[in-house]
N, C-alpha and C. Protein backbone atom coordinates (compact mmCIF):
# COMPACT_ATOMS: atom_id res chain seq x y z
N MET A 1 9.59 -17.55 0.85
CA MET A 1 8.70 -18.76 0.82
C MET A 1 7.65 -18.58 -0.14
N LYS A 2 7.09 -19.73 -0.55
CA LYS A 2 5.88 -20.10 -1.48
C LYS A 2 4.58 -19.60 -0.61
N THR A 3 3.54 -19.42 -1.30
CA THR A 3 2.34 -19.42 -0.79
C THR A 3 2.12 -20.58 -0.29
N GLY A 4 1.48 -20.72 1.09
CA GLY A 4 1.00 -21.71 1.78
C GLY A 4 2.19 -22.43 2.37
N GLU A 5 3.35 -21.57 2.62
CA GLU A 5 4.30 -22.45 3.45
C GLU A 5 4.72 -21.33 4.54
N ALA A 6 5.10 -21.58 5.59
CA ALA A 6 5.19 -20.75 6.55
C ALA A 6 6.34 -21.39 7.45
N ILE A 7 6.82 -20.86 8.49
CA ILE A 7 7.87 -20.96 9.66
C ILE A 7 6.87 -20.68 11.13
N LEU A 8 7.20 -21.63 11.73
CA LEU A 8 6.60 -21.54 13.20
C LEU A 8 7.34 -21.51 14.03
N GLN A 9 7.36 -20.53 15.08
CA GLN A 9 8.38 -20.97 16.38
C GLN A 9 7.16 -20.24 17.61
N ARG A 10 6.93 -21.39 18.43
CA ARG A 10 5.89 -21.26 19.38
C ARG A 10 6.77 -20.46 20.74
N PRO A 11 5.84 -19.54 21.08
CA PRO A 11 6.44 -18.74 22.56
C PRO A 11 6.85 -19.88 23.29
N GLY A 12 7.68 -19.58 23.81
CA GLY A 12 8.64 -20.15 24.99
C GLY A 12 9.62 -21.07 24.57
N THR A 13 9.58 -21.42 23.14
CA THR A 13 10.47 -22.52 22.72
C THR A 13 11.40 -22.19 21.60
N LEU A 14 12.83 -22.83 21.89
CA LEU A 14 13.86 -22.74 20.76
C LEU A 14 13.42 -23.41 19.54
N ASP A 15 12.62 -24.22 19.37
CA ASP A 15 11.99 -25.17 17.87
C ASP A 15 11.36 -24.40 16.83
N VAL A 16 12.05 -24.63 15.74
CA VAL A 16 11.45 -23.80 14.68
C VAL A 16 10.44 -25.05 13.58
N GLU A 17 8.98 -24.76 13.32
CA GLU A 17 8.85 -25.89 12.85
C GLU A 17 8.38 -25.44 11.15
N TYR A 18 8.43 -25.93 10.41
CA TYR A 18 7.90 -25.54 8.94
C TYR A 18 6.30 -26.15 8.92
N VAL A 19 5.82 -25.26 8.57
CA VAL A 19 4.17 -25.93 8.59
C VAL A 19 3.62 -25.56 7.14
N LYS A 20 2.38 -25.85 6.65
CA LYS A 20 1.66 -25.24 5.39
C LYS A 20 0.17 -24.78 5.82
N VAL A 21 0.07 -23.92 5.46
CA VAL A 21 -0.95 -22.93 5.43
C VAL A 21 -2.20 -22.90 4.54
N ASN A 22 -3.11 -23.17 4.92
CA ASN A 22 -4.26 -23.33 3.59
C ASN A 22 -4.76 -21.83 3.47
N PHE A 23 -4.83 -21.65 2.33
CA PHE A 23 -5.27 -20.47 1.48
C PHE A 23 -6.63 -20.38 1.16
N MET A 24 -7.60 -19.10 1.53
CA MET A 24 -8.85 -19.28 1.26
C MET A 24 -9.43 -17.49 0.77
N LYS A 25 -9.45 -17.49 -0.96
CA LYS A 25 -9.41 -16.49 -1.72
C LYS A 25 -10.78 -15.48 -0.98
N LEU A 26 -10.70 -14.32 -0.55
CA LEU A 26 -11.47 -13.68 -0.18
C LEU A 26 -11.99 -12.83 -1.18
N PRO A 27 -13.48 -12.41 -1.31
CA PRO A 27 -13.94 -11.73 -2.52
C PRO A 27 -13.66 -10.18 -1.65
N GLU A 28 -12.99 -9.78 -2.96
CA GLU A 28 -12.31 -8.25 -2.71
C GLU A 28 -13.52 -7.16 -3.16
N THR A 29 -13.53 -6.36 -1.77
CA THR A 29 -14.04 -5.20 -1.81
C THR A 29 -13.60 -4.10 -1.25
N ALA A 30 -14.13 -3.01 -1.60
CA ALA A 30 -13.41 -1.97 -1.26
C ALA A 30 -13.06 -1.84 0.27
N GLU A 31 -13.44 -2.29 1.09
CA GLU A 31 -13.81 -2.65 2.75
C GLU A 31 -12.34 -3.57 2.86
N SER A 32 -12.46 -4.50 1.99
CA SER A 32 -11.24 -5.46 2.53
C SER A 32 -10.14 -4.95 1.57
N ASP A 33 -10.20 -4.39 0.79
CA ASP A 33 -9.15 -3.29 0.22
C ASP A 33 -8.41 -2.77 1.34
N ASP A 34 -8.99 -1.93 1.98
CA ASP A 34 -8.65 -0.94 3.31
C ASP A 34 -8.40 -1.76 4.30
N ALA A 35 -8.79 -2.51 4.64
CA ALA A 35 -8.20 -3.49 5.82
C ALA A 35 -6.77 -3.85 5.48
N VAL A 36 -6.40 -4.55 4.07
CA VAL A 36 -5.14 -5.01 3.65
C VAL A 36 -4.31 -4.21 3.72
N THR A 37 -4.72 -2.87 3.24
CA THR A 37 -3.84 -1.62 2.95
C THR A 37 -3.83 -1.16 4.68
N ARG A 38 -4.34 -1.23 5.76
CA ARG A 38 -4.32 -0.71 7.12
C ARG A 38 -3.07 -1.81 7.56
N LEU A 39 -3.27 -3.13 7.46
CA LEU A 39 -3.07 -4.18 7.95
C LEU A 39 -1.18 -4.16 7.44
N LEU A 40 -1.09 -3.80 6.11
CA LEU A 40 0.12 -4.01 5.67
C LEU A 40 1.00 -2.78 6.31
N GLN A 41 0.49 -1.51 6.44
CA GLN A 41 0.73 -0.42 6.74
C GLN A 41 1.49 -0.76 8.56
N ARG A 42 0.70 -1.38 9.13
CA ARG A 42 0.83 -1.57 10.64
C ARG A 42 2.01 -2.53 10.40
N ASN A 43 2.08 -3.56 9.64
CA ASN A 43 3.07 -4.43 9.51
C ASN A 43 4.74 -3.74 9.47
N PHE A 44 4.76 -3.11 8.66
CA PHE A 44 5.91 -2.48 8.33
C PHE A 44 6.08 -1.18 8.83
N GLU A 45 5.25 -0.90 9.52
CA GLU A 45 5.77 -0.09 10.70
C GLU A 45 5.92 -0.48 12.11
N SER A 46 6.04 -2.14 11.94
CA SER A 46 6.48 -2.71 13.13
C SER A 46 8.16 -2.50 12.92
N ASP A 47 8.86 -3.32 13.87
CA ASP A 47 10.23 -3.73 13.84
C ASP A 47 10.51 -4.80 13.02
N PHE A 48 9.49 -5.96 12.96
CA PHE A 48 9.57 -7.02 12.64
C PHE A 48 9.74 -7.36 11.30
N LEU A 49 8.54 -6.85 10.51
CA LEU A 49 8.77 -6.55 9.19
C LEU A 49 9.53 -5.60 8.52
N ILE A 50 10.29 -5.93 7.15
CA ILE A 50 10.79 -4.98 6.35
C ILE A 50 10.23 -5.24 4.69
N SER A 51 10.10 -4.34 3.91
CA SER A 51 9.86 -4.62 2.58
C SER A 51 10.79 -5.33 1.61
N THR A 52 10.43 -6.05 0.53
CA THR A 52 11.12 -6.75 0.06
C THR A 52 12.39 -6.20 -0.77
N GLU A 53 12.40 -4.67 -1.02
CA GLU A 53 13.29 -3.92 -1.61
C GLU A 53 14.50 -3.98 -0.49
N GLN A 54 14.04 -3.40 1.19
CA GLN A 54 14.82 -2.99 1.69
C GLN A 54 15.49 -4.46 2.40
N ALA A 55 15.06 -5.75 2.63
CA ALA A 55 15.77 -6.71 2.37
C ALA A 55 16.82 -6.81 1.37
N ARG A 56 16.53 -6.73 0.54
CA ARG A 56 17.37 -7.11 -1.04
C ARG A 56 18.56 -5.91 -0.65
N LYS A 57 18.31 -4.61 -0.19
CA LYS A 57 19.31 -3.93 -0.16
C LYS A 57 20.22 -4.64 1.23
N GLU A 58 19.89 -4.60 2.13
CA GLU A 58 20.25 -5.60 3.20
C GLU A 58 21.53 -6.72 3.28
N HIS A 59 20.79 -7.16 2.12
CA HIS A 59 21.47 -8.71 1.63
C HIS A 59 22.47 -8.49 0.66
N GLU A 60 22.79 -7.08 -0.10
CA GLU A 60 23.52 -6.61 -0.80
C GLU A 60 24.96 -5.94 -0.20
N GLN A 61 24.21 -5.43 0.86
CA GLN A 61 25.37 -4.72 1.99
C GLN A 61 26.05 -5.77 2.58
N CYS A 62 25.62 -7.19 3.26
CA CYS A 62 25.91 -7.85 4.03
C CYS A 62 26.83 -8.66 2.89
N LEU A 63 26.59 -8.75 1.78
CA LEU A 63 27.62 -9.51 0.68
C LEU A 63 28.64 -8.56 0.48
N ASP A 64 28.23 -7.48 0.50
CA ASP A 64 29.28 -6.57 -0.01
C ASP A 64 30.61 -6.47 1.25
N GLY A 65 29.85 -6.85 2.47
CA GLY A 65 30.89 -6.75 3.67
C GLY A 65 31.71 -8.22 3.68
N LEU A 66 31.59 -9.08 2.78
CA LEU A 66 32.06 -10.54 2.96
C LEU A 66 33.24 -10.37 2.03
N THR A 67 34.23 -11.10 2.32
CA THR A 67 35.70 -10.93 1.73
C THR A 67 35.57 -12.74 1.63
N LEU A 68 36.23 -13.07 0.17
CA LEU A 68 36.44 -14.40 -0.47
C LEU A 68 37.52 -14.80 0.02
N ARG A 69 38.11 -15.75 0.85
CA ARG A 69 39.66 -16.18 1.17
C ARG A 69 39.95 -17.73 0.08
């Protein structure tokens, strides 16, 4: 998705909504850079997020498994 776009699914519902997200540029400091690095590391340690490279690999594997009729 583009910057400022997101998909939202509220807990307890099956509805999915497209939402716009405001973006605020924060000043870059050593502390903020460290915080972002820690957040990214925690995100990728979870089962919910994968890297772009991993997503591409899985996409290719899925396409390889498809046969055209």
